[in-house]
Amino acid sequence: MRDLDNLPKVHLHLHFTGSMRVSTLREMAEEQGIRLPQNLVDNVALSVPANERGWFRFQRSYDAARKVVSSEAAMRRIIREAAEDDAREGSRRLEIQVDPTSYAPHVGGLTPALEIVVDEAREASKATGVEVGVIVAASRMKHPLDARTLARLAVSMAGDQPGDIIGFGLSNDERRGTTSEWAAAFNIARRGGLAAVPHGGELLGPDHLREVVAHLKPTRIGHGVRSSEDPDLLKRIVDAGIALEVCPASNVALGVYPDESAVPLQQLFASGAQIALSADDPLLFLSRLTDQYQIARDLGASDRQLAQMAVSSIDASLASESKKRQWRREVDDWLADTP
């Protein structure tokens, strides 16, 4: 079989703190004298039920990891290592999500926090050859007015070069808040040239996804796997050209599906959906980008289908058209290479 690390691909759904290596988390915690929960360092993937108690356990682990990210050096290290890890897995581009409010108190405010991320994304792009774009993500756990502030800040740093801010997202527990209340923030971002890339359709089903599509007008949807439960909705998403950032390991770890075989990957693929396989939070799920392609292979995807998914990730990215053409040719080369 062809080597999946050599398959050219693009990584569209990766969270800032969640991208950390376990070894980096341990090292930074030791330097600061912070005692980490055992589940963060025991090399066992997180597994929780898909209810509010399960999400609380997930969020508690994430918050514990985020506590060690308390300096500019730590923030830069995370971006650089995420790009390095992607480079080893054949990723040509990484679009990493960050909510700067969590790190702002340590570096002098929201603007400096985002400037650090953007600056290091540019440097990491040069150093690794992986284009790094930045997505600013608001949180459903905070007030929608906070999201408007973030949207304006994101727009002020928007651009189309490696390292620039390219999109605006909405993350955290889908059950929190009323989706329409974040529409104003997304309007600000969209008018400023940013792509709309909110989460939706993982913890909640088709009704929630309809609200996300109607009010936030997404270019891509983070997850979106629950669209498989409503053929009419799935067709609308496919016809609208809205890509799905599918994270199989995350879906299982968060209890959405009992195991990998239940993830509706083949159903989504057969529907014509643009699928961008992604890792979400490898720090907690211990499953990186190539692992998602291996899951798809284990579920029966042929190398040709895997190549099509890689092309979908390229097409759904916010890279330049010239880069997309180059990477598609590289996928063709991978497929033409007899294993």
C-alpha atoms as a PDB file:
ATOM      1  CA  MET A   1       0.000   0.000   0.000  1.00  0.00           C
ATOM      2  CA  ARG A   2       1.105   3.547  -0.666  1.00  0.00           C
ATOM      3  CA  ASP A   3       2.633   5.439   2.256  1.00  0.00           C
ATOM      4  CA  LEU A   4       0.002   7.800   3.705  1.00  0.00           C
ATOM      5  CA  ASP A   5       2.646  10.141   5.106  1.00  0.00           C
ATOM      6  CA  ASN A   6       3.713  10.771   1.518  1.00  0.00           C
ATOM      7  CA  LEU A   7       0.177  11.612   0.368  1.00  0.00           C
ATOM      8  CA  PRO A   8       0.052  15.388  -0.212  1.00  0.00           C
ATOM      9  CA  LYS A   9      -2.753  16.799   1.903  1.00  0.00           C
ATOM     10  CA  VAL A  10      -3.938  19.922   3.712  1.00  0.00           C
ATOM     11  CA  HIS A  11      -4.838  20.167   7.406  1.00  0.00           C
ATOM     12  CA  LEU A  12      -7.875  22.350   8.031  1.00  0.00           C
ATOM     13  CA  HIS A  13      -9.061  21.581  11.571  1.00  0.00           C
ATOM     14  CA  LEU A  14      -6.426  21.779  14.279  1.00  0.00           C
ATOM     15  CA  HIS A  15      -6.702  23.678  17.562  1.00  0.00           C
ATOM     16  CA  PHE A  16      -3.796  25.663  18.964  1.00  0.00           C
ATOM     17  CA  THR A  17      -3.314  24.111  22.422  1.00  0.00           C
ATOM     18  CA  GLY A  18      -4.715  20.797  21.228  1.00  0.00           C
ATOM     19  CA  SER A  19      -1.944  20.546  18.653  1.00  0.00           C
ATOM     20  CA  MET A  20       0.752  20.241  21.347  1.00  0.00           C
ATOM     21  CA  ARG A  21       3.018  17.225  21.598  1.00  0.00           C
ATOM     22  CA  VAL A  22       2.617  15.350  24.878  1.00  0.00           C
ATOM     23  CA  SER A  23       6.371  15.655  25.390  1.00  0.00           C
ATOM     24  CA  THR A  24       6.173  19.435  24.997  1.00  0.00           C
ATOM     25  CA  LEU A  25       3.312  19.648  27.488  1.00  0.00           C
ATOM     26  CA  ARG A  26       5.320  17.639  30.039  1.00  0.00           C
ATOM     27  CA  GLU A  27       8.432  19.739  29.525  1.00  0.00           C
ATOM     28  CA  MET A  28       6.659  23.083  29.847  1.00  0.00           C
ATOM     29  CA  ALA A  29       4.759  21.910  32.932  1.00  0.00           C
ATOM     30  CA  GLU A  30       7.985  20.761  34.608  1.00  0.00           C
ATOM     31  CA  GLU A  31       9.679  24.085  33.857  1.00  0.00           C
ATOM     32  CA  GLN A  32       6.839  25.941  35.585  1.00  0.00           C
ATOM     33  CA  GLY A  33       6.311  23.508  38.432  1.00  0.00           C
ATOM     34  CA  ILE A  34       2.784  22.717  37.269  1.00  0.00           C
ATOM     35  CA  ARG A  35       1.389  19.299  38.152  1.00  0.00           C
ATOM     36  CA  LEU A  36      -0.614  17.871  35.267  1.00  0.00           C
ATOM     37  CA  PRO A  37      -3.594  15.519  35.563  1.00  0.00           C
ATOM     38  CA  GLN A  38      -2.441  11.946  34.999  1.00  0.00           C
ATOM     39  CA  ASN A  39      -4.738  11.509  32.004  1.00  0.00           C
ATOM     40  CA  LEU A  40      -2.773  14.159  30.101  1.00  0.00           C
ATOM     41  CA  VAL A  41       0.530  12.311  30.318  1.00  0.00           C
ATOM     42  CA  ASP A  42      -0.372   8.622  30.491  1.00  0.00           C
ATOM     43  CA  ASN A  43      -0.387   8.157  26.681  1.00  0.00           C
ATOM     44  CA  VAL A  44      -3.984   6.928  26.733  1.00  0.00           C
ATOM     45  CA  ALA A  45      -6.389   8.702  24.390  1.00  0.00           C
ATOM     46  CA  LEU A  46      -9.214  10.627  26.014  1.00  0.00           C
ATOM     47  CA  SER A  47     -12.567   8.846  25.892  1.00  0.00           C
ATOM     48  CA  VAL A  48     -15.719  10.497  27.226  1.00  0.00           C
ATOM     49  CA  PRO A  49     -19.474  10.130  26.718  1.00  0.00           C
ATOM     50  CA  ALA A  50     -21.254  12.537  24.371  1.00  0.00           C
ATOM     51  CA  ASN A  51     -23.072  14.417  27.102  1.00  0.00           C
ATOM     52  CA  GLU A  52     -22.409  17.520  29.176  1.00  0.00           C
ATOM     53  CA  ARG A  53     -20.516  15.549  31.804  1.00  0.00           C
ATOM     54  CA  GLY A  54     -18.281  14.120  29.087  1.00  0.00           C
ATOM     55  CA  TRP A  55     -17.668  17.558  27.619  1.00  0.00           C
ATOM     56  CA  PHE A  56     -16.806  18.876  31.087  1.00  0.00           C
ATOM     57  CA  ARG A  57     -14.118  16.180  31.413  1.00  0.00           C
ATOM     58  CA  PHE A  58     -12.765  17.045  27.970  1.00  0.00           C
ATOM     59  CA  GLN A  59     -12.752  20.766  28.727  1.00  0.00           C
ATOM     60  CA  ARG A  60     -11.088  20.255  32.111  1.00  0.00           C
ATOM     61  CA  SER A  61      -8.243  18.388  30.417  1.00  0.00           C
ATOM     62  CA  TYR A  62      -7.934  21.059  27.749  1.00  0.00           C
ATOM     63  CA  ASP A  63      -7.886  23.840  30.346  1.00  0.00           C
ATOM     64  CA  ALA A  64      -5.176  22.034  32.310  1.00  0.00           C
ATOM     65  CA  ALA A  65      -3.023  21.854  29.193  1.00  0.00           C
ATOM     66  CA  ARG A  66      -3.716  25.481  28.312  1.00  0.00           C
ATOM     67  CA  LYS A  67      -2.487  26.591  31.744  1.00  0.00           C
ATOM     68  CA  VAL A  68       1.119  25.835  30.785  1.00  0.00           C
ATOM     69  CA  VAL A  69       0.940  28.133  27.732  1.00  0.00           C
ATOM     70  CA  SER A  70       1.853  31.255  29.641  1.00  0.00           C
ATOM     71  CA  SER A  71       4.527  32.998  27.600  1.00  0.00           C
ATOM     72  CA  GLU A  72       5.377  34.214  24.129  1.00  0.00           C
ATOM     73  CA  ALA A  73       8.029  31.498  23.847  1.00  0.00           C
ATOM     74  CA  ALA A  74       5.450  28.790  24.612  1.00  0.00           C
ATOM     75  CA  MET A  75       3.031  30.175  22.025  1.00  0.00           C
ATOM     76  CA  ARG A  76       5.718  30.303  19.377  1.00  0.00           C
ATOM     77  CA  ARG A  77       6.857  26.772  20.169  1.00  0.00           C
ATOM     78  CA  ILE A  78       3.349  25.403  19.703  1.00  0.00           C
ATOM     79  CA  ILE A  79       2.978  26.963  16.261  1.00  0.00           C
ATOM     80  CA  ARG A  80       6.448  25.857  15.139  1.00  0.00           C
ATOM     81  CA  GLU A  81       6.012  22.275  16.323  1.00  0.00           C
ATOM     82  CA  ALA A  82       2.551  21.989  14.782  1.00  0.00           C
ATOM     83  CA  ALA A  83       4.026  22.971  11.420  1.00  0.00           C
ATOM     84  CA  GLU A  84       6.949  20.567  11.870  1.00  0.00           C
ATOM     85  CA  ASP A  85       4.596  17.698  12.701  1.00  0.00           C
ATOM     86  CA  ASP A  86       2.434  18.477   9.684  1.00  0.00           C
ATOM     87  CA  ALA A  87       5.498  18.561   7.431  1.00  0.00           C
ATOM     88  CA  ARG A  88       6.398  15.022   8.494  1.00  0.00           C
ATOM     89  CA  GLU A  89       2.923  13.861   7.501  1.00  0.00           C
ATOM     90  CA  GLY A  90       2.889  15.268   3.985  1.00  0.00           C
ATOM     91  CA  SER A  91       0.765  18.297   4.824  1.00  0.00           C
ATOM     92  CA  ARG A  92       1.299  21.180   2.442  1.00  0.00           C
ATOM     93  CA  ARG A  93      -0.764  23.666   4.428  1.00  0.00           C
ATOM     94  CA  LEU A  94      -2.052  24.017   7.988  1.00  0.00           C
ATOM     95  CA  GLU A  95      -4.928  26.292   8.938  1.00  0.00           C
ATOM     96  CA  ILE A  96      -4.687  26.418  12.725  1.00  0.00           C
ATOM     97  CA  GLN A  97      -7.431  27.753  15.005  1.00  0.00           C
ATOM     98  CA  VAL A  98      -6.749  29.942  18.015  1.00  0.00           C
ATOM     99  CA  ASP A  99      -8.809  31.895  20.524  1.00  0.00           C
ATOM    100  CA  PRO A 100      -6.313  34.555  21.674  1.00  0.00           C
ATOM    101  CA  THR A 101      -8.351  35.510  24.741  1.00  0.00           C
ATOM    102  CA  SER A 102      -6.926  32.522  26.628  1.00  0.00           C
ATOM    103  CA  TYR A 103      -3.328  33.669  26.190  1.00  0.00           C
ATOM    104  CA  ALA A 104      -3.767  37.460  26.171  1.00  0.00           C
ATOM    105  CA  PRO A 105      -3.233  37.924  29.944  1.00  0.00           C
ATOM    106  CA  HIS A 106       0.282  36.475  29.671  1.00  0.00           C
ATOM    107  CA  VAL A 107       1.548  38.613  26.792  1.00  0.00           C
ATOM    108  CA  GLY A 108      -0.030  42.022  27.221  1.00  0.00           C
ATOM    109  CA  GLY A 109      -3.451  41.725  25.619  1.00  0.00           C
ATOM    110  CA  LEU A 110      -5.463  40.394  22.719  1.00  0.00           C
ATOM    111  CA  THR A 111      -3.584  42.213  19.989  1.00  0.00           C
ATOM    112  CA  PRO A 112      -0.098  41.131  21.115  1.00  0.00           C
ATOM    113  CA  ALA A 113      -1.311  37.536  21.541  1.00  0.00           C
ATOM    114  CA  LEU A 114      -2.609  37.411  17.998  1.00  0.00           C
ATOM    115  CA  GLU A 115       0.450  39.216  16.652  1.00  0.00           C
ATOM    116  CA  ILE A 116       2.665  36.533  18.193  1.00  0.00           C
ATOM    117  CA  VAL A 117       0.652  33.761  16.555  1.00  0.00           C
ATOM    118  CA  VAL A 118       0.680  35.494  13.168  1.00  0.00           C
ATOM    119  CA  ASP A 119       4.398  36.295  13.323  1.00  0.00           C
ATOM    120  CA  GLU A 120       5.364  32.742  14.278  1.00  0.00           C
ATOM    121  CA  ALA A 121       3.018  31.305  11.652  1.00  0.00           C
ATOM    122  CA  ARG A 122       4.966  33.286   9.050  1.00  0.00           C
ATOM    123  CA  GLU A 123       8.316  32.127  10.433  1.00  0.00           C
ATOM    124  CA  ALA A 124       7.161  28.492  10.667  1.00  0.00           C
ATOM    125  CA  SER A 125       5.928  28.625   7.076  1.00  0.00           C
ATOM    126  CA  LYS A 126       9.404  29.638   5.921  1.00  0.00           C
ATOM    127  CA  ALA A 127      11.203  27.139   8.134  1.00  0.00           C
ATOM    128  CA  THR A 128       9.107  24.047   7.407  1.00  0.00           C
ATOM    129  CA  GLY A 129       7.719  24.585   3.908  1.00  0.00           C
ATOM    130  CA  VAL A 130       4.204  24.091   5.283  1.00  0.00           C
ATOM    131  CA  GLU A 131       2.011  27.124   4.659  1.00  0.00           C
ATOM    132  CA  VAL A 132       0.435  28.132   7.953  1.00  0.00           C
ATOM    133  CA  GLY A 133      -2.761  30.180   7.927  1.00  0.00           C
ATOM    134  CA  VAL A 134      -4.482  31.391  11.099  1.00  0.00           C
ATOM    135  CA  ILE A 135      -8.163  31.084  11.959  1.00  0.00           C
ATOM    136  CA  VAL A 136      -9.422  33.175  14.875  1.00  0.00           C
ATOM    137  CA  ALA A 137     -12.061  31.211  16.752  1.00  0.00           C
ATOM    138  CA  ALA A 138     -14.619  32.700  19.113  1.00  0.00           C
ATOM    139  CA  SER A 139     -16.047  30.525  21.875  1.00  0.00           C
ATOM    140  CA  ARG A 140     -19.629  29.558  22.583  1.00  0.00           C
ATOM    141  CA  MET A 141     -18.725  29.722  26.275  1.00  0.00           C
ATOM    142  CA  LYS A 142     -18.341  33.502  26.048  1.00  0.00           C
ATOM    143  CA  HIS A 143     -20.709  36.334  25.195  1.00  0.00           C
ATOM    144  CA  PRO A 144     -21.440  36.936  21.481  1.00  0.00           C
ATOM    145  CA  LEU A 145     -20.244  40.541  21.943  1.00  0.00           C
ATOM    146  CA  ASP A 146     -16.779  39.141  22.687  1.00  0.00           C
ATOM    147  CA  ALA A 147     -16.925  37.415  19.316  1.00  0.00           C
ATOM    148  CA  ARG A 148     -17.515  40.747  17.591  1.00  0.00           C
ATOM    149  CA  THR A 149     -14.377  42.139  19.216  1.00  0.00           C
ATOM    150  CA  LEU A 150     -12.406  39.143  17.995  1.00  0.00           C
ATOM    151  CA  ALA A 151     -13.877  39.445  14.507  1.00  0.00           C
ATOM    152  CA  ARG A 152     -12.802  43.089  14.220  1.00  0.00           C
ATOM    153  CA  LEU A 153      -9.316  42.242  15.449  1.00  0.00           C
ATOM    154  CA  ALA A 154      -9.068  39.329  13.028  1.00  0.00           C
ATOM    155  CA  VAL A 155     -10.143  41.517  10.112  1.00  0.00           C
ATOM    156  CA  SER A 156      -7.463  44.061  10.995  1.00  0.00           C
ATOM    157  CA  MET A 157      -4.813  41.360  10.432  1.00  0.00           C
ATOM    158  CA  ALA A 158      -6.422  39.596   7.493  1.00  0.00           C
ATOM    159  CA  GLY A 159      -4.424  38.685   4.405  1.00  0.00           C
ATOM    160  CA  ASP A 160      -3.704  35.986   1.874  1.00  0.00           C
ATOM    161  CA  GLN A 161      -0.023  35.278   2.529  1.00  0.00           C
ATOM    162  CA  PRO A 162       1.362  32.447   4.695  1.00  0.00           C
ATOM    163  CA  GLY A 163       0.955  33.412   8.338  1.00  0.00           C
ATOM    164  CA  ASP A 164      -1.970  35.754   7.743  1.00  0.00           C
ATOM    165  CA  ILE A 165      -5.409  35.483   9.326  1.00  0.00           C
ATOM    166  CA  ILE A 166      -7.705  33.850   6.806  1.00  0.00           C
ATOM    167  CA  GLY A 167     -10.838  32.771   8.637  1.00  0.00           C
ATOM    168  CA  PHE A 168     -13.169  33.202  11.583  1.00  0.00           C
ATOM    169  CA  GLY A 169     -14.607  30.303  13.563  1.00  0.00           C
ATOM    170  CA  LEU A 170     -16.823  29.383  16.489  1.00  0.00           C
ATOM    171  CA  SER A 171     -15.840  26.513  18.747  1.00  0.00           C
ATOM    172  CA  ASN A 172     -16.549  24.810  22.073  1.00  0.00           C
ATOM    173  CA  ASP A 173     -19.720  23.075  23.257  1.00  0.00           C
ATOM    174  CA  GLU A 174     -22.325  23.233  20.476  1.00  0.00           C
ATOM    175  CA  ARG A 175     -25.077  23.045  23.097  1.00  0.00           C
ATOM    176  CA  ARG A 176     -24.170  26.468  24.505  1.00  0.00           C
ATOM    177  CA  GLY A 177     -25.829  29.674  23.376  1.00  0.00           C
ATOM    178  CA  THR A 178     -28.109  30.434  20.457  1.00  0.00           C
ATOM    179  CA  THR A 179     -26.336  30.176  17.116  1.00  0.00           C
ATOM    180  CA  SER A 180     -28.042  33.214  15.590  1.00  0.00           C
ATOM    181  CA  GLU A 181     -26.497  35.439  18.293  1.00  0.00           C
ATOM    182  CA  TRP A 182     -23.080  34.966  16.668  1.00  0.00           C
ATOM    183  CA  ALA A 183     -24.300  35.998  13.210  1.00  0.00           C
ATOM    184  CA  ALA A 184     -23.222  39.627  13.721  1.00  0.00           C
ATOM    185  CA  ALA A 185     -19.629  38.593  14.434  1.00  0.00           C
ATOM    186  CA  PHE A 186     -19.562  36.406  11.341  1.00  0.00           C
ATOM    187  CA  ASN A 187     -20.963  39.260   9.260  1.00  0.00           C
ATOM    188  CA  ILE A 188     -18.099  41.471  10.441  1.00  0.00           C
ATOM    189  CA  ALA A 189     -15.583  38.774   9.555  1.00  0.00           C
ATOM    190  CA  ARG A 190     -17.137  38.046   6.170  1.00  0.00           C
ATOM    191  CA  ARG A 191     -17.242  41.737   5.193  1.00  0.00           C
ATOM    192  CA  GLY A 192     -13.573  41.903   6.126  1.00  0.00           C
ATOM    193  CA  GLY A 193     -12.685  39.115   3.715  1.00  0.00           C
ATOM    194  CA  LEU A 194     -12.465  36.210   6.165  1.00  0.00           C
ATOM    195  CA  ALA A 195     -13.940  32.775   5.502  1.00  0.00           C
ATOM    196  CA  ALA A 196     -16.593  31.518   7.917  1.00  0.00           C
ATOM    197  CA  VAL A 197     -15.511  28.201   9.459  1.00  0.00           C
ATOM    198  CA  PRO A 198     -17.681  27.458  12.522  1.00  0.00           C
ATOM    199  CA  HIS A 199     -17.980  24.142  14.325  1.00  0.00           C
ATOM    200  CA  GLY A 200     -21.257  22.287  14.002  1.00  0.00           C
ATOM    201  CA  GLY A 201     -22.869  18.910  13.609  1.00  0.00           C
ATOM    202  CA  GLU A 202     -20.739  16.827  15.942  1.00  0.00           C
ATOM    203  CA  LEU A 203     -22.361  16.915  19.381  1.00  0.00           C
ATOM    204  CA  LEU A 204     -25.688  18.059  17.919  1.00  0.00           C
ATOM    205  CA  GLY A 205     -27.571  16.835  14.878  1.00  0.00           C
ATOM    206  CA  PRO A 206     -29.277  18.169  11.750  1.00  0.00           C
ATOM    207  CA  ASP A 207     -31.444  20.828  13.417  1.00  0.00           C
ATOM    208  CA  HIS A 208     -28.340  22.481  14.850  1.00  0.00           C
ATOM    209  CA  LEU A 209     -26.556  22.234  11.520  1.00  0.00           C
ATOM    210  CA  ARG A 210     -29.424  23.982   9.771  1.00  0.00           C
ATOM    211  CA  GLU A 211     -29.033  26.907  12.171  1.00  0.00           C
ATOM    212  CA  VAL A 212     -25.281  27.046  11.550  1.00  0.00           C
ATOM    213  CA  VAL A 213     -25.808  27.075   7.780  1.00  0.00           C
ATOM    214  CA  ALA A 214     -28.627  29.623   7.909  1.00  0.00           C
ATOM    215  CA  HIS A 215     -27.133  32.125  10.347  1.00  0.00           C
ATOM    216  CA  LEU A 216     -23.355  31.797   9.987  1.00  0.00           C
ATOM    217  CA  LYS A 217     -23.198  31.084   6.226  1.00  0.00           C
ATOM    218  CA  PRO A 218     -20.147  28.845   6.449  1.00  0.00           C
ATOM    219  CA  THR A 219     -17.518  28.217   3.815  1.00  0.00           C
ATOM    220  CA  ARG A 220     -16.602  25.089   5.758  1.00  0.00           C
ATOM    221  CA  ILE A 221     -18.075  23.357   8.792  1.00  0.00           C
ATOM    222  CA  GLY A 222     -15.907  21.985  11.545  1.00  0.00           C
ATOM    223  CA  HIS A 223     -17.032  18.339  11.800  1.00  0.00           C
ATOM    224  CA  GLY A 224     -20.505  18.277  10.214  1.00  0.00           C
ATOM    225  CA  VAL A 225     -20.688  14.480  10.400  1.00  0.00           C
ATOM    226  CA  ARG A 226     -24.226  14.522  11.802  1.00  0.00           C
ATOM    227  CA  SER A 227     -25.440  15.806   8.420  1.00  0.00           C
ATOM    228  CA  SER A 228     -25.396  12.116   7.489  1.00  0.00           C
ATOM    229  CA  GLU A 229     -28.600  11.738   9.527  1.00  0.00           C
ATOM    230  CA  ASP A 230     -30.599  13.947   7.140  1.00  0.00           C
ATOM    231  CA  PRO A 231     -30.138  13.221   3.417  1.00  0.00           C
ATOM    232  CA  ASP A 232     -31.901  16.443   2.372  1.00  0.00           C
ATOM    233  CA  LEU A 233     -29.677  18.577   4.574  1.00  0.00           C
ATOM    234  CA  LEU A 234     -26.565  16.741   3.413  1.00  0.00           C
ATOM    235  CA  LYS A 235     -27.549  17.362  -0.202  1.00  0.00           C
ATOM    236  CA  ARG A 236     -28.029  21.074   0.538  1.00  0.00           C
ATOM    237  CA  ILE A 237     -24.566  21.234   2.088  1.00  0.00           C
ATOM    238  CA  VAL A 238     -22.998  19.375  -0.840  1.00  0.00           C
ATOM    239  CA  ASP A 239     -24.824  21.491  -3.434  1.00  0.00           C
ATOM    240  CA  ALA A 240     -23.741  24.672  -1.649  1.00  0.00           C
ATOM    241  CA  GLY A 241     -20.114  23.587  -1.811  1.00  0.00           C
ATOM    242  CA  ILE A 242     -19.697  23.705   1.972  1.00  0.00           C
ATOM    243  CA  ALA A 243     -16.769  21.479   2.926  1.00  0.00           C
ATOM    244  CA  LEU A 244     -16.755  19.286   6.032  1.00  0.00           C
ATOM    245  CA  GLU A 245     -13.709  19.113   8.290  1.00  0.00           C
ATOM    246  CA  VAL A 246     -14.140  15.508   9.399  1.00  0.00           C
ATOM    247  CA  CYS A 247     -12.179  14.336  12.450  1.00  0.00           C
ATOM    248  CA  PRO A 248     -12.914  10.613  12.962  1.00  0.00           C
ATOM    249  CA  ALA A 249     -10.718  10.087  16.027  1.00  0.00           C
ATOM    250  CA  SER A 250     -12.324  13.082  17.718  1.00  0.00           C
ATOM    251  CA  ASN A 251     -15.824  11.785  16.978  1.00  0.00           C
ATOM    252  CA  VAL A 252     -15.024   8.511  18.758  1.00  0.00           C
ATOM    253  CA  ALA A 253     -13.109  10.078  21.652  1.00  0.00           C
ATOM    254  CA  LEU A 254     -15.994  12.448  22.403  1.00  0.00           C
ATOM    255  CA  GLY A 255     -18.515   9.606  22.344  1.00  0.00           C
ATOM    256  CA  VAL A 256     -20.398  10.717  19.234  1.00  0.00           C
ATOM    257  CA  TYR A 257     -19.827   7.268  17.725  1.00  0.00           C
ATOM    258  CA  PRO A 258     -18.969   4.061  19.623  1.00  0.00           C
ATOM    259  CA  ASP A 259     -16.036   3.193  17.383  1.00  0.00           C
ATOM    260  CA  GLU A 260     -14.374   4.131  14.090  1.00  0.00           C
ATOM    261  CA  SER A 261     -16.565   1.779  12.067  1.00  0.00           C
ATOM    262  CA  ALA A 262     -19.630   3.859  13.023  1.00  0.00           C
ATOM    263  CA  VAL A 263     -18.199   7.134  11.679  1.00  0.00           C
ATOM    264  CA  PRO A 264     -20.239   7.797   8.482  1.00  0.00           C
ATOM    265  CA  LEU A 265     -17.189   8.534   6.359  1.00  0.00           C
ATOM    266  CA  GLN A 266     -18.161   6.352   3.413  1.00  0.00           C
ATOM    267  CA  GLN A 267     -21.701   7.731   3.443  1.00  0.00           C
ATOM    268  CA  LEU A 268     -20.399  11.295   3.325  1.00  0.00           C
ATOM    269  CA  PHE A 269     -17.934  10.387   0.584  1.00  0.00           C
ATOM    270  CA  ALA A 270     -20.635   8.694  -1.481  1.00  0.00           C
ATOM    271  CA  SER A 271     -22.835  11.785  -1.160  1.00  0.00           C
ATOM    272  CA  GLY A 272     -20.212  13.887  -2.923  1.00  0.00           C
ATOM    273  CA  ALA A 273     -19.311  15.861   0.193  1.00  0.00           C
ATOM    274  CA  GLN A 274     -16.007  17.715   0.234  1.00  0.00           C
ATOM    275  CA  ILE A 275     -14.202  15.939   3.072  1.00  0.00           C
ATOM    276  CA  ALA A 276     -11.110  17.422   4.699  1.00  0.00           C
ATOM    277  CA  LEU A 277      -9.804  14.846   7.159  1.00  0.00           C
ATOM    278  CA  SER A 278      -8.296  16.528  10.213  1.00  0.00           C
ATOM    279  CA  ALA A 279      -6.931  15.727  13.676  1.00  0.00           C
ATOM    280  CA  ASP A 280      -8.731  18.311  15.851  1.00  0.00           C
ATOM    281  CA  ASP A 281      -6.842  17.875  19.168  1.00  0.00           C
ATOM    282  CA  PRO A 282      -4.043  15.285  18.868  1.00  0.00           C
ATOM    283  CA  LEU A 283      -2.745  16.170  22.337  1.00  0.00           C
ATOM    284  CA  LEU A 284      -5.876  14.626  23.860  1.00  0.00           C
ATOM    285  CA  PHE A 285      -6.856  12.083  21.213  1.00  0.00           C
ATOM    286  CA  LEU A 286      -3.302  10.865  20.412  1.00  0.00           C
ATOM    287  CA  SER A 287      -4.230  10.702  16.746  1.00  0.00           C
ATOM    288  CA  ARG A 288      -2.647  12.967  14.141  1.00  0.00           C
ATOM    289  CA  LEU A 289      -3.422  13.868  10.543  1.00  0.00           C
ATOM    290  CA  THR A 290      -2.119  10.740   8.806  1.00  0.00           C
ATOM    291  CA  ASP A 291      -3.941   8.638  11.398  1.00  0.00           C
ATOM    292  CA  GLN A 292      -7.259   9.997  10.077  1.00  0.00           C
ATOM    293  CA  TYR A 293      -6.374   8.746   6.586  1.00  0.00           C
ATOM    294  CA  GLN A 294      -5.424   5.393   8.078  1.00  0.00           C
ATOM    295  CA  ILE A 295      -8.844   5.239   9.739  1.00  0.00           C
ATOM    296  CA  ALA A 296     -10.445   5.910   6.349  1.00  0.00           C
ATOM    297  CA  ARG A 297      -8.304   3.156   4.813  1.00  0.00           C
ATOM    298  CA  ASP A 298      -9.315   0.763   7.594  1.00  0.00           C
ATOM    299  CA  LEU A 299     -12.966   1.591   6.862  1.00  0.00           C
ATOM    300  CA  GLY A 300     -12.493   0.438   3.277  1.00  0.00           C
ATOM    301  CA  ALA A 301     -11.344   3.531   1.383  1.00  0.00           C
ATOM    302  CA  SER A 302      -9.166   2.715  -1.601  1.00  0.00           C
ATOM    303  CA  ASP A 303      -6.028   4.669  -2.384  1.00  0.00           C
ATOM    304  CA  ARG A 304      -7.941   6.421  -5.142  1.00  0.00           C
ATOM    305  CA  GLN A 305     -10.624   7.465  -2.645  1.00  0.00           C
ATOM    306  CA  LEU A 306      -7.971   8.597  -0.164  1.00  0.00           C
ATOM    307  CA  ALA A 307      -6.423  10.679  -2.937  1.00  0.00           C
ATOM    308  CA  GLN A 308      -9.836  12.206  -3.647  1.00  0.00           C
ATOM    309  CA  MET A 309     -10.182  13.131   0.039  1.00  0.00           C
ATOM    310  CA  ALA A 310      -6.731  14.710  -0.047  1.00  0.00           C
ATOM    311  CA  VAL A 311      -7.755  16.721  -3.113  1.00  0.00           C
ATOM    312  CA  SER A 312     -10.934  17.758  -1.301  1.00  0.00           C
ATOM    313  CA  SER A 313      -8.832  19.071   1.578  1.00  0.00           C
ATOM    314  CA  ILE A 314      -6.756  21.043  -0.915  1.00  0.00           C
ATOM    315  CA  ASP A 315      -9.811  22.421  -2.691  1.00  0.00           C
ATOM    316  CA  ALA A 316     -11.465  23.385   0.617  1.00  0.00           C
ATOM    317  CA  SER A 317      -8.392  25.227   1.858  1.00  0.00           C
ATOM    318  CA  LEU A 318      -7.906  28.967   1.607  1.00  0.00           C
ATOM    319  CA  ALA A 319      -4.633  28.615  -0.289  1.00  0.00           C
ATOM    320  CA  SER A 320      -3.947  30.342  -3.592  1.00  0.00           C
ATOM    321  CA  GLU A 321      -5.204  28.709  -6.781  1.00  0.00           C
ATOM    322  CA  SER A 322      -1.647  28.272  -8.038  1.00  0.00           C
ATOM    323  CA  LYS A 323      -0.687  26.318  -4.915  1.00  0.00           C
ATOM    324  CA  LYS A 324      -3.825  24.211  -5.153  1.00  0.00           C
ATOM    325  CA  ARG A 325      -2.972  23.247  -8.738  1.00  0.00           C
ATOM    326  CA  GLN A 326       0.551  22.302  -7.677  1.00  0.00           C
ATOM    327  CA  TRP A 327      -0.639  20.151  -4.786  1.00  0.00           C
ATOM    328  CA  ARG A 328      -3.284  18.404  -6.921  1.00  0.00           C
ATOM    329  CA  ARG A 329      -0.530  17.404  -9.345  1.00  0.00           C
ATOM    330  CA  GLU A 330       1.467  16.047  -6.432  1.00  0.00           C
ATOM    331  CA  VAL A 331      -1.530  13.933  -5.362  1.00  0.00           C
ATOM    332  CA  ASP A 332      -1.722  12.569  -8.913  1.00  0.00           C
ATOM    333  CA  ASP A 333       1.969  11.686  -8.682  1.00  0.00           C
ATOM    334  CA  TRP A 334       1.378   9.845  -5.410  1.00  0.00           C
ATOM    335  CA  LEU A 335      -1.455   7.872  -6.973  1.00  0.00           C
ATOM    336  CA  ALA A 336       0.580   7.092 -10.089  1.00  0.00           C
ATOM    337  CA  ASP A 337       3.443   5.708  -8.012  1.00  0.00           C
ATOM    338  CA  THR A 338       3.031   1.925  -7.865  1.00  0.00           C
ATOM    339  CA  PRO A 339       3.442   0.716  -4.274  1.00  0.00           C
END
